[in-house]
Amino acid sequence: MEENFNTETESSIRISDDALAAIAALAATDIEGVSSMAGNVTNEIVAKLGVKNLSKGVKISYDGKEVRIELSLNVDYGTNIPSVCEKVRKKVKDQVENMTGLPVAEVSIHIAGVELDK
């Protein structure tokens, strides 16, 4: 008796906008000179707030082919803003692409505020 086995399985992976936003926010706040996401979320308080709150200050757009990310950041006073923004763009793009496999077409950055020394 001959048996036929279907060796091809159909499966899909769906990544929520909140998950993409969390990846982007963590990558952005890891850059020296970025004090927080707009909304005052920093790496130090991520554990207390939870992942859902990381999406503050991040807007994700996905057209089925590419991801576009908009970040609103607060930077430290005295920071070279163009340099920090370029580092944030690169790190966010690399992290999202490496972790999800989705191509990132654009990372737009809005500087929402400047944090003074405490």
C-alpha atoms as a PDB file:
ATOM      1  CA  MET A   1       0.000   0.000   0.000  1.00  0.00           C
ATOM      2  CA  GLU A   2       1.396   3.394  -1.000  1.00  0.00           C
ATOM      3  CA  GLU A   3       0.900   6.418   1.241  1.00  0.00           C
ATOM      4  CA  ASN A   4       1.125  10.019   0.122  1.00  0.00           C
ATOM      5  CA  PHE A   5       2.431  12.565   2.561  1.00  0.00           C
ATOM      6  CA  ASN A   6       2.139  16.252   1.972  1.00  0.00           C
ATOM      7  CA  THR A   7       5.588  17.563   2.879  1.00  0.00           C
ATOM      8  CA  GLU A   8       4.734  21.172   2.104  1.00  0.00           C
ATOM      9  CA  THR A   9       3.038  22.990   4.916  1.00  0.00           C
ATOM     10  CA  GLU A  10       1.573  26.413   4.571  1.00  0.00           C
ATOM     11  CA  SER A  11       2.275  28.733   7.431  1.00  0.00           C
ATOM     12  CA  SER A  12       2.530  32.433   7.925  1.00  0.00           C
ATOM     13  CA  ILE A  13       4.121  34.776  10.382  1.00  0.00           C
ATOM     14  CA  ARG A  14       2.448  38.028  11.272  1.00  0.00           C
ATOM     15  CA  ILE A  15       4.285  40.727  13.134  1.00  0.00           C
ATOM     16  CA  SER A  16       2.150  43.356  14.823  1.00  0.00           C
ATOM     17  CA  ASP A  17       2.792  47.067  14.479  1.00  0.00           C
ATOM     18  CA  ASP A  18       3.329  47.150  18.253  1.00  0.00           C
ATOM     19  CA  ALA A  19       6.116  44.574  17.965  1.00  0.00           C
ATOM     20  CA  LEU A  20       7.778  46.547  15.153  1.00  0.00           C
ATOM     21  CA  ALA A  21       7.385  49.742  17.177  1.00  0.00           C
ATOM     22  CA  ALA A  22       8.975  48.108  20.231  1.00  0.00           C
ATOM     23  CA  ILE A  23      11.975  46.949  18.177  1.00  0.00           C
ATOM     24  CA  ALA A  24      12.389  50.428  16.682  1.00  0.00           C
ATOM     25  CA  ALA A  25      12.016  52.200  20.035  1.00  0.00           C
ATOM     26  CA  LEU A  26      14.524  49.975  21.810  1.00  0.00           C
ATOM     27  CA  ALA A  27      17.030  50.410  18.984  1.00  0.00           C
ATOM     28  CA  ALA A  28      16.574  54.194  18.955  1.00  0.00           C
ATOM     29  CA  THR A  29      16.897  54.682  22.707  1.00  0.00           C
ATOM     30  CA  ASP A  30      20.058  52.573  22.716  1.00  0.00           C
ATOM     31  CA  ILE A  31      21.893  55.342  20.836  1.00  0.00           C
ATOM     32  CA  GLU A  32      23.934  57.745  22.965  1.00  0.00           C
ATOM     33  CA  GLY A  33      22.373  61.197  22.831  1.00  0.00           C
ATOM     34  CA  VAL A  34      18.781  59.951  22.629  1.00  0.00           C
ATOM     35  CA  SER A  35      17.250  60.604  26.037  1.00  0.00           C
ATOM     36  CA  SER A  36      13.818  59.100  25.341  1.00  0.00           C
ATOM     37  CA  MET A  37      11.018  58.546  22.895  1.00  0.00           C
ATOM     38  CA  ALA A  38       8.473  61.342  22.802  1.00  0.00           C
ATOM     39  CA  GLY A  39       6.181  60.414  25.657  1.00  0.00           C
ATOM     40  CA  ASN A  40       9.188  59.944  27.996  1.00  0.00           C
ATOM     41  CA  VAL A  41       9.800  56.212  27.527  1.00  0.00           C
ATOM     42  CA  THR A  42      13.403  55.213  28.238  1.00  0.00           C
ATOM     43  CA  ASN A  43      15.183  51.880  28.396  1.00  0.00           C
ATOM     44  CA  GLU A  44      15.435  52.170  32.185  1.00  0.00           C
ATOM     45  CA  ILE A  45      11.680  52.133  32.668  1.00  0.00           C
ATOM     46  CA  VAL A  46      10.782  49.691  29.881  1.00  0.00           C
ATOM     47  CA  ALA A  47      10.662  46.771  32.308  1.00  0.00           C
ATOM     48  CA  LYS A  48       8.197  48.605  34.538  1.00  0.00           C
ATOM     49  CA  LEU A  49       5.954  49.884  31.740  1.00  0.00           C
ATOM     50  CA  GLY A  50       5.810  46.883  29.441  1.00  0.00           C
ATOM     51  CA  VAL A  51       6.234  46.556  25.686  1.00  0.00           C
ATOM     52  CA  LYS A  52       2.939  48.179  24.665  1.00  0.00           C
ATOM     53  CA  ASN A  53       4.074  51.541  26.017  1.00  0.00           C
ATOM     54  CA  LEU A  54       7.140  51.452  23.770  1.00  0.00           C
ATOM     55  CA  SER A  55       4.969  52.235  20.775  1.00  0.00           C
ATOM     56  CA  LYS A  56       4.576  55.824  21.999  1.00  0.00           C
ATOM     57  CA  GLY A  57       6.575  58.039  19.702  1.00  0.00           C
ATOM     58  CA  VAL A  58       6.684  55.423  16.921  1.00  0.00           C
ATOM     59  CA  LYS A  59       4.455  55.199  13.854  1.00  0.00           C
ATOM     60  CA  ILE A  60       4.681  52.122  11.609  1.00  0.00           C
ATOM     61  CA  SER A  61       3.410  51.887   8.015  1.00  0.00           C
ATOM     62  CA  TYR A  62       3.565  48.669   5.996  1.00  0.00           C
ATOM     63  CA  ASP A  63       2.330  48.514   2.401  1.00  0.00           C
ATOM     64  CA  GLY A  64       2.816  44.769   2.028  1.00  0.00           C
ATOM     65  CA  LYS A  65       6.319  45.207   0.633  1.00  0.00           C
ATOM     66  CA  GLU A  66       8.252  47.676   2.786  1.00  0.00           C
ATOM     67  CA  VAL A  67       8.127  49.152   6.266  1.00  0.00           C
ATOM     68  CA  ARG A  68       8.224  52.876   6.913  1.00  0.00           C
ATOM     69  CA  ILE A  69       9.002  54.049  10.433  1.00  0.00           C
ATOM     70  CA  GLU A  70       8.461  57.483  11.976  1.00  0.00           C
ATOM     71  CA  LEU A  71      10.126  58.198  15.312  1.00  0.00           C
ATOM     72  CA  SER A  72       9.617  61.131  17.669  1.00  0.00           C
ATOM     73  CA  LEU A  73      12.656  61.504  19.914  1.00  0.00           C
ATOM     74  CA  ASN A  74      13.919  63.632  22.754  1.00  0.00           C
ATOM     75  CA  VAL A  75      17.669  64.223  22.641  1.00  0.00           C
ATOM     76  CA  ASP A  76      20.168  65.301  25.272  1.00  0.00           C
ATOM     77  CA  TYR A  77      21.219  68.951  25.283  1.00  0.00           C
ATOM     78  CA  GLY A  78      24.542  69.453  23.515  1.00  0.00           C
ATOM     79  CA  THR A  79      24.053  66.458  21.232  1.00  0.00           C
ATOM     80  CA  ASN A  80      25.021  66.705  17.573  1.00  0.00           C
ATOM     81  CA  ILE A  81      21.499  66.095  16.267  1.00  0.00           C
ATOM     82  CA  PRO A  82      22.362  65.179  12.633  1.00  0.00           C
ATOM     83  CA  SER A  83      24.958  62.641  13.829  1.00  0.00           C
ATOM     84  CA  VAL A  84      22.590  61.077  16.372  1.00  0.00           C
ATOM     85  CA  CYS A  85      19.783  60.900  13.809  1.00  0.00           C
ATOM     86  CA  GLU A  86      21.994  59.095  11.316  1.00  0.00           C
ATOM     87  CA  LYS A  87      23.040  56.553  13.975  1.00  0.00           C
ATOM     88  CA  VAL A  88      19.384  56.057  14.965  1.00  0.00           C
ATOM     89  CA  ARG A  89      18.332  55.563  11.320  1.00  0.00           C
ATOM     90  CA  LYS A  90      20.995  52.935  10.736  1.00  0.00           C
ATOM     91  CA  LYS A  91      20.399  51.033  13.984  1.00  0.00           C
ATOM     92  CA  VAL A  92      16.604  51.020  13.671  1.00  0.00           C
ATOM     93  CA  LYS A  93      16.770  49.895  10.032  1.00  0.00           C
ATOM     94  CA  ASP A  94      19.302  47.158  10.814  1.00  0.00           C
ATOM     95  CA  GLN A  95      17.431  45.871  13.891  1.00  0.00           C
ATOM     96  CA  VAL A  96      14.010  45.754  12.224  1.00  0.00           C
ATOM     97  CA  GLU A  97      15.371  44.089   9.088  1.00  0.00           C
ATOM     98  CA  ASN A  98      17.488  41.575  11.028  1.00  0.00           C
ATOM     99  CA  MET A  99      14.774  40.637  13.516  1.00  0.00           C
ATOM    100  CA  THR A 100      11.810  40.503  11.132  1.00  0.00           C
ATOM    101  CA  GLY A 101      13.194  39.988   7.635  1.00  0.00           C
ATOM    102  CA  LEU A 102      11.039  42.895   6.429  1.00  0.00           C
ATOM    103  CA  PRO A 103      12.759  45.533   4.283  1.00  0.00           C
ATOM    104  CA  VAL A 104      12.756  49.033   5.767  1.00  0.00           C
ATOM    105  CA  ALA A 105      12.295  51.701   3.104  1.00  0.00           C
ATOM    106  CA  GLU A 106      12.470  54.741   5.347  1.00  0.00           C
ATOM    107  CA  VAL A 107      13.160  55.837   8.920  1.00  0.00           C
ATOM    108  CA  SER A 108      11.929  59.392   9.527  1.00  0.00           C
ATOM    109  CA  ILE A 109      12.955  61.157  12.707  1.00  0.00           C
ATOM    110  CA  HIS A 110      11.240  64.085  14.402  1.00  0.00           C
ATOM    111  CA  ILE A 111      13.055  65.762  17.281  1.00  0.00           C
ATOM    112  CA  ALA A 112      10.261  66.444  19.766  1.00  0.00           C
ATOM    113  CA  GLY A 113      12.387  67.958  22.498  1.00  0.00           C
ATOM    114  CA  VAL A 114      15.759  68.564  24.089  1.00  0.00           C
ATOM    115  CA  GLU A 115      16.424  67.282  27.597  1.00  0.00           C
ATOM    116  CA  LEU A 116      18.523  69.548  29.788  1.00  0.00           C
ATOM    117  CA  ASP A 117      21.133  68.148  32.170  1.00  0.00           C
ATOM    118  CA  LYS A 118      19.630  67.022  35.431  1.00  0.00           C
END
